[in-house]
């Protein structure tokens, strides 16, 4: 059952990563945005030479009433001494991404996976994304990586 859940979660995260980033300025339907205003698309993977840190993901979703849900998970190739994930919610200013919320660290000992989810109230009219920091520690070996979700618009009411 655990493998089925992790497979489903990995597939869902993969679908979310296929979303392209777009500008996060307040919405103005009368003005078309140029390509110069769009944030850069970032694709990130963990170092393939890692011995323990295997996979991870992060997502952002609109849950209504100017609230966003961010989630993230980390998986290891085997049970490790510690595995963790920490989420950061970012807002697009029109020229860069700024951090507006950082979750507590979700870390487990002697495990091969961890997951966390948080709800955050945000200002409407902007684009948001989730940035996730992942790590494993096994013996003296520490492996780390950073991933980004696609971006979503929280519309004005």
Protein backbone atom coordinates (compact mmCIF):
# COMPACT_ATOMS: atom_id res chain seq x y z
CA UNK A 1 0.00 0.00 0.00
CA UNK A 2 2.89 2.35 0.85
CA UNK A 3 4.49 1.78 -2.59
CA UNK A 4 1.16 2.47 -4.33
CA UNK A 5 0.78 5.74 -2.39
CA UNK A 6 4.35 6.84 -3.18
CA UNK A 7 3.90 5.91 -6.85
CA UNK A 8 0.67 7.90 -7.02
CA UNK A 9 2.25 10.85 -5.20
CA UNK A 10 5.26 10.79 -7.55
CA UNK A 11 2.97 10.73 -10.59
CA UNK A 12 0.88 13.62 -9.24
CA UNK A 13 4.01 15.66 -8.54
CA UNK A 14 5.32 14.95 -12.06
CA UNK A 15 2.08 16.32 -13.52
CA UNK A 16 2.37 19.45 -11.40
CA UNK A 17 5.98 20.02 -12.53
CA UNK A 18 4.84 20.20 -16.16
CA UNK A 19 3.16 23.58 -15.52
CA UNK A 20 5.13 26.48 -17.03
CA UNK A 21 5.90 29.59 -15.01
CA UNK A 22 4.19 32.88 -15.86
CA UNK A 23 4.42 36.42 -14.58
CA UNK A 24 3.20 37.23 -11.07
CA UNK A 25 2.08 40.81 -11.40
CA UNK A 26 -1.34 42.10 -10.45
CA UNK A 27 -3.74 41.25 -13.25
CA UNK A 28 -4.49 43.85 -15.87
CA UNK A 29 -6.63 42.35 -18.64
CA UNK A 30 -6.08 45.36 -20.89
CA UNK A 31 -2.33 44.86 -21.17
CA UNK A 32 -0.61 41.90 -22.82
CA UNK A 33 2.59 40.80 -21.13
CA UNK A 34 5.79 40.55 -23.09
CA UNK A 35 8.18 37.62 -22.80
CA UNK A 36 10.58 39.94 -20.92
CA UNK A 37 8.12 40.11 -17.97
CA UNK A 38 7.77 36.34 -17.54
CA UNK A 39 9.81 34.66 -14.80
CA UNK A 40 12.45 32.18 -15.93
CA UNK A 41 11.47 28.52 -16.07
CA UNK A 42 13.52 26.45 -13.66
CA UNK A 43 13.85 22.71 -13.99
CA UNK A 44 15.69 21.06 -11.15
CA UNK A 45 16.69 17.53 -10.29
CA UNK A 46 18.79 16.00 -7.57
CA UNK A 47 22.38 15.10 -8.34
CA UNK A 48 22.24 11.66 -10.03
CA UNK A 49 25.40 10.60 -8.19
CA UNK A 50 23.63 10.85 -4.82
CA UNK A 51 23.76 7.61 -2.88
CA UNK A 52 20.68 8.21 -0.68
CA UNK A 53 18.50 11.19 -1.71
CA UNK A 54 16.37 9.72 -4.46
CA UNK A 55 13.32 11.80 -5.24
CA UNK A 56 11.22 14.69 -4.06
CA UNK A 57 8.56 17.09 -5.11
CA UNK A 58 6.60 20.16 -4.23
CA UNK A 59 3.26 21.59 -5.28
CA UNK A 60 1.11 24.66 -4.80
CA UNK A 61 -2.69 24.81 -5.13
CA UNK A 62 -5.45 27.37 -4.71
CA UNK A 63 -7.89 26.21 -2.02
CA UNK A 64 -10.10 29.30 -2.19
CA UNK A 65 -10.68 32.41 -0.07
CA UNK A 66 -7.15 33.71 -0.82
CA UNK A 67 -5.59 30.57 0.65
CA UNK A 68 -2.88 28.41 -0.85
CA UNK A 69 -1.86 24.89 0.06
CA UNK A 70 1.81 24.00 -0.38
CA UNK A 71 3.14 20.48 0.01
CA UNK A 72 6.37 18.61 -0.43
CA UNK A 73 7.94 15.20 0.01
CA UNK A 74 11.38 13.58 -0.01
CA UNK A 75 12.27 9.94 -0.63
CA UNK A 76 15.51 8.06 -0.09
CA UNK A 77 16.81 4.98 -1.87
CA UNK A 78 16.85 3.20 1.50
CA UNK A 79 16.09 3.90 5.16
CA UNK A 80 18.45 6.69 6.31
CA UNK A 81 19.38 8.25 9.66
CA UNK A 82 17.38 11.41 8.79
CA UNK A 83 15.30 12.63 5.87
CA UNK A 84 13.59 15.98 5.56
CA UNK A 85 11.82 18.64 3.55
CA UNK A 86 11.13 22.33 4.18
CA UNK A 87 8.79 24.48 2.08
CA UNK A 88 9.00 28.14 1.11
CA UNK A 89 6.09 29.97 -0.53
CA UNK A 90 7.23 32.59 -3.06
CA UNK A 91 5.38 35.45 -4.83
CA UNK A 92 6.36 36.87 -8.24
CA UNK A 93 6.93 40.66 -8.06
CA UNK A 94 7.16 41.16 -11.81
CA UNK A 95 10.94 40.88 -11.81
CA UNK A 96 11.84 38.23 -9.20
CA UNK A 97 10.50 35.67 -6.73
CA UNK A 98 10.33 36.77 -3.08
CA UNK A 99 9.91 34.48 -0.07
CA UNK A 100 6.72 35.19 1.88
CA UNK A 101 6.41 32.08 4.09
CA UNK A 102 8.76 29.34 5.29
CA UNK A 103 7.38 26.18 6.89
CA UNK A 104 8.90 24.38 9.83
CA UNK A 105 11.27 21.56 8.85
CA UNK A 106 9.60 18.16 8.45
CA UNK A 107 12.29 15.65 9.38
CA UNK A 108 12.04 11.98 10.29
CA UNK A 109 14.69 9.70 11.79
CA UNK A 110 15.34 6.18 10.46
CA UNK A 111 12.93 6.52 7.57
CA UNK A 112 13.01 6.51 3.78
CA UNK A 113 10.42 9.26 3.17
CA UNK A 114 8.76 12.34 4.62
CA UNK A 115 5.85 14.60 3.63
CA UNK A 116 4.49 17.96 4.78
CA UNK A 117 1.63 20.28 3.84
CA UNK A 118 0.75 23.84 4.94
CA UNK A 119 -2.00 26.39 4.25
CA UNK A 120 -1.08 30.06 3.80
CA UNK A 121 -3.32 33.13 3.33
CA UNK A 122 -2.05 35.29 0.44
CA UNK A 123 -2.80 38.53 -1.38
CA UNK A 124 -4.95 38.00 -4.50
CA UNK A 125 -3.82 39.16 -7.95
CA UNK A 126 -0.36 37.57 -7.85
CA UNK A 127 1.35 34.37 -8.98
CA UNK A 128 2.78 32.05 -6.36
CA UNK A 129 5.01 28.96 -6.34
CA UNK A 130 6.50 26.58 -3.82
CA UNK A 131 10.24 26.08 -3.33
CA UNK A 132 11.29 22.98 -1.43
CA UNK A 133 14.57 22.07 0.26
CA UNK A 134 15.24 18.33 0.60
CA UNK A 135 17.93 16.46 2.49
CA UNK A 136 19.10 13.10 3.76
CA UNK A 137 21.71 12.30 6.37
CA UNK A 138 23.16 8.81 6.64
CA UNK A 139 26.29 8.36 8.71
CA UNK A 140 28.58 11.19 7.65
CA UNK A 141 26.96 11.62 4.23
CA UNK A 142 24.57 14.58 3.86
CA UNK A 143 22.83 15.11 0.51
CA UNK A 144 20.67 18.16 -0.34
CA UNK A 145 18.59 19.47 -3.21
CA UNK A 146 16.09 22.21 -4.09
CA UNK A 147 12.98 21.88 -6.25
CA UNK A 148 10.32 24.35 -7.50
CA UNK A 149 6.65 23.89 -8.32
CA UNK A 150 4.83 25.47 -11.20
CA UNK A 151 3.19 28.81 -10.47
CA UNK A 152 -0.50 29.57 -9.92
CA UNK A 153 -2.49 32.79 -10.03
CA UNK A 154 -4.68 33.72 -7.09
CA UNK A 155 -7.36 35.83 -8.80
CA UNK A 156 -8.88 38.99 -7.39
CA UNK A 157 -12.25 38.30 -5.82
